[in-house]
Amino acid sequence: MHYSILPIIYPEESPEYVELQYNGCNVLARVSDEGYILERLHSYDYMDFMNSDFAPGTLLNSTLID
């Protein structure tokens, strides 16, 4: 048994990010087992931010990835 004042911390995997063209916009996505998950949208058009397809955490449709 090991007694310590420090918490036992297990090393976590750092997520893998990729920049993609998705539905005509540049996005930053995290690679997961399910596919690509949207993290960040890079756009100058404010209407892109109103589109619910670009909400953070959205699972990206692979047919719309360029």
Protein backbone atom coordinates (compact mmCIF):
# COMPACT_ATOMS: atom_id res chain seq x y z
CA MET A 1 0.00 0.00 0.00
CA HIS A 2 1.25 3.45 -0.89
CA TYR A 3 0.37 6.51 1.21
CA SER A 4 0.92 9.93 -0.32
CA ILE A 5 -0.42 13.46 -0.05
CA LEU A 6 -0.36 13.69 -3.83
CA PRO A 7 -3.30 12.30 -5.79
CA ILE A 8 -2.69 9.36 -8.06
CA ILE A 9 -2.80 10.79 -11.57
CA TYR A 10 -2.99 8.55 -14.56
CA PRO A 11 -1.61 9.94 -17.81
CA GLU A 12 -4.41 10.96 -20.14
CA GLU A 13 -4.27 10.74 -23.88
CA SER A 14 -4.00 14.10 -25.53
CA PRO A 15 -6.70 14.43 -28.19
CA GLU A 16 -5.73 14.52 -31.84
CA TYR A 17 -6.99 17.54 -33.77
CA VAL A 18 -7.24 18.04 -37.53
CA GLU A 19 -8.23 21.01 -39.67
CA LEU A 20 -10.87 20.15 -42.25
CA GLN A 21 -13.01 21.73 -44.93
CA TYR A 22 -16.56 20.88 -43.84
CA ASN A 23 -19.61 22.03 -45.77
CA GLY A 24 -17.59 24.88 -47.31
CA CYS A 25 -16.03 26.16 -44.05
CA ASN A 26 -12.73 25.62 -42.27
CA VAL A 27 -13.18 23.77 -38.98
CA LEU A 28 -10.99 22.29 -36.28
CA ALA A 29 -12.16 18.81 -35.34
CA ARG A 30 -11.15 16.25 -32.73
CA VAL A 31 -10.59 12.68 -33.91
CA SER A 32 -12.63 10.14 -31.92
CA ASP A 33 -13.81 6.57 -32.28
CA GLU A 34 -17.16 7.77 -33.66
CA GLY A 35 -15.56 10.07 -36.25
CA TYR A 36 -14.73 13.78 -36.23
CA ILE A 37 -16.20 16.01 -33.52
CA LEU A 38 -16.39 19.74 -34.24
CA GLU A 39 -14.34 21.84 -31.83
CA ARG A 40 -13.90 25.21 -33.56
CA LEU A 41 -15.24 27.05 -36.61
CA HIS A 42 -13.03 29.45 -38.59
CA SER A 43 -15.21 31.76 -40.68
CA TYR A 44 -15.71 35.44 -41.47
CA ASP A 45 -19.39 34.96 -42.29
CA TYR A 46 -21.51 35.49 -39.17
CA MET A 47 -24.31 33.35 -40.63
CA ASP A 48 -22.05 30.29 -40.41
CA PHE A 49 -22.05 30.69 -36.63
CA MET A 50 -25.87 30.70 -36.61
CA ASN A 51 -25.97 27.35 -38.45
CA SER A 52 -26.67 24.50 -36.00
CA ASP A 53 -24.51 22.15 -38.12
CA PHE A 54 -21.48 24.06 -36.81
CA ALA A 55 -22.32 23.82 -33.10
CA PRO A 56 -19.38 22.72 -30.92
CA GLY A 57 -19.52 19.01 -30.13
CA THR A 58 -21.37 18.11 -33.33
CA LEU A 59 -20.41 14.81 -34.92
CA LEU A 60 -19.42 15.69 -38.50
CA ASN A 61 -21.11 13.95 -41.41
CA SER A 62 -18.30 12.27 -43.37
CA THR A 63 -19.98 12.88 -46.75
CA LEU A 64 -19.67 16.68 -46.27
CA ILE A 65 -15.94 16.63 -45.51
CA ASP A 66 -13.87 17.89 -48.46
